[in-house]
Amino acid sequence: MLRERLIAEFGGAIAEAELVVRWDAQRMVNQIHERTNVLEEKHDEDGTRLRVRAPATVLEAIRKQLA
């Protein structure tokens, strides 16, 4: 509980999201692993699909980098 309160206070509310990392941007996968809690990882024809949990501010920054 303390961990979630600290994260919420300093990093925004915790959110869960699915991110798709295209094959030509695979360098981002390691960064996502470092900055989020990866719940699931799958690979398909579009690239790597990651279901993650992280502060909303972190997810927003990652989404901008993937755009």
Protein backbone atom coordinates (compact mmCIF):
# COMPACT_ATOMS: atom_id res chain seq x y z
CA MET A 1 0.00 0.00 0.00
CA LEU A 2 2.77 2.44 0.82
CA ARG A 3 4.38 1.75 -2.56
CA GLU A 4 1.16 2.56 -4.44
CA ARG A 5 0.65 5.73 -2.38
CA LEU A 6 4.17 6.91 -3.12
CA ILE A 7 3.84 6.17 -6.81
CA ALA A 8 0.47 7.91 -6.96
CA GLU A 9 1.89 10.93 -5.17
CA PHE A 10 5.07 11.25 -7.22
CA GLY A 11 4.32 9.56 -10.52
CA GLY A 12 0.60 9.79 -11.10
CA ALA A 13 -2.11 7.20 -10.73
CA ILE A 14 -1.25 3.62 -11.59
CA ALA A 15 -2.80 2.51 -14.87
CA GLU A 16 -2.79 -0.64 -16.95
CA ALA A 17 -2.29 -0.45 -20.71
CA GLU A 18 -1.47 -2.47 -23.79
CA LEU A 19 1.42 -1.16 -25.84
CA VAL A 20 2.34 -2.31 -29.33
CA VAL A 21 6.00 -1.89 -30.24
CA ARG A 22 6.55 -2.17 -33.99
CA TRP A 23 9.38 -4.40 -35.17
CA ASP A 24 11.39 -1.37 -36.28
CA ALA A 25 11.20 0.12 -32.74
CA GLN A 26 12.19 -2.96 -30.73
CA ARG A 27 14.84 -0.94 -28.85
CA MET A 28 11.89 0.41 -26.83
CA VAL A 29 11.01 -3.00 -25.37
CA ASN A 30 13.93 -2.93 -22.94
CA GLN A 31 13.04 0.61 -21.85
CA ILE A 32 9.44 -0.44 -21.25
CA HIS A 33 10.63 -3.36 -19.11
CA GLU A 34 12.78 -0.95 -17.07
CA ARG A 35 10.07 1.68 -16.55
CA THR A 36 6.94 -0.44 -16.07
CA ASN A 37 5.70 -3.67 -14.56
CA VAL A 38 5.23 -5.93 -17.59
CA LEU A 39 2.29 -8.26 -17.00
CA GLU A 40 2.30 -10.01 -20.38
CA GLU A 41 4.39 -10.02 -23.54
CA LYS A 42 3.37 -11.46 -26.92
CA HIS A 43 4.87 -11.30 -30.39
CA ASP A 44 2.87 -11.16 -33.62
CA GLU A 45 3.14 -9.82 -37.17
CA ASP A 46 2.81 -6.21 -35.96
CA GLY A 47 5.60 -6.43 -33.37
CA THR A 48 5.65 -6.94 -29.62
CA ARG A 49 2.48 -6.49 -27.56
CA LEU A 50 3.03 -5.67 -23.92
CA ARG A 51 0.39 -5.45 -21.21
CA VAL A 52 1.89 -3.21 -18.54
CA ARG A 53 1.13 -1.44 -15.29
CA ALA A 54 2.78 1.91 -14.53
CA PRO A 55 2.11 5.47 -13.41
CA ALA A 56 -0.01 7.32 -15.95
CA THR A 57 2.77 9.85 -16.52
CA VAL A 58 5.19 7.07 -17.49
CA LEU A 59 2.67 5.51 -19.87
CA GLU A 60 2.06 8.88 -21.50
CA ALA A 61 5.79 9.40 -22.08
CA ILE A 62 6.19 5.90 -23.56
CA ARG A 63 3.21 6.37 -25.86
CA LYS A 64 4.72 9.61 -27.18
CA GLN A 65 7.97 7.79 -27.95
CA LEU A 66 6.11 5.00 -29.75
CA ALA A 67 4.05 7.42 -31.89
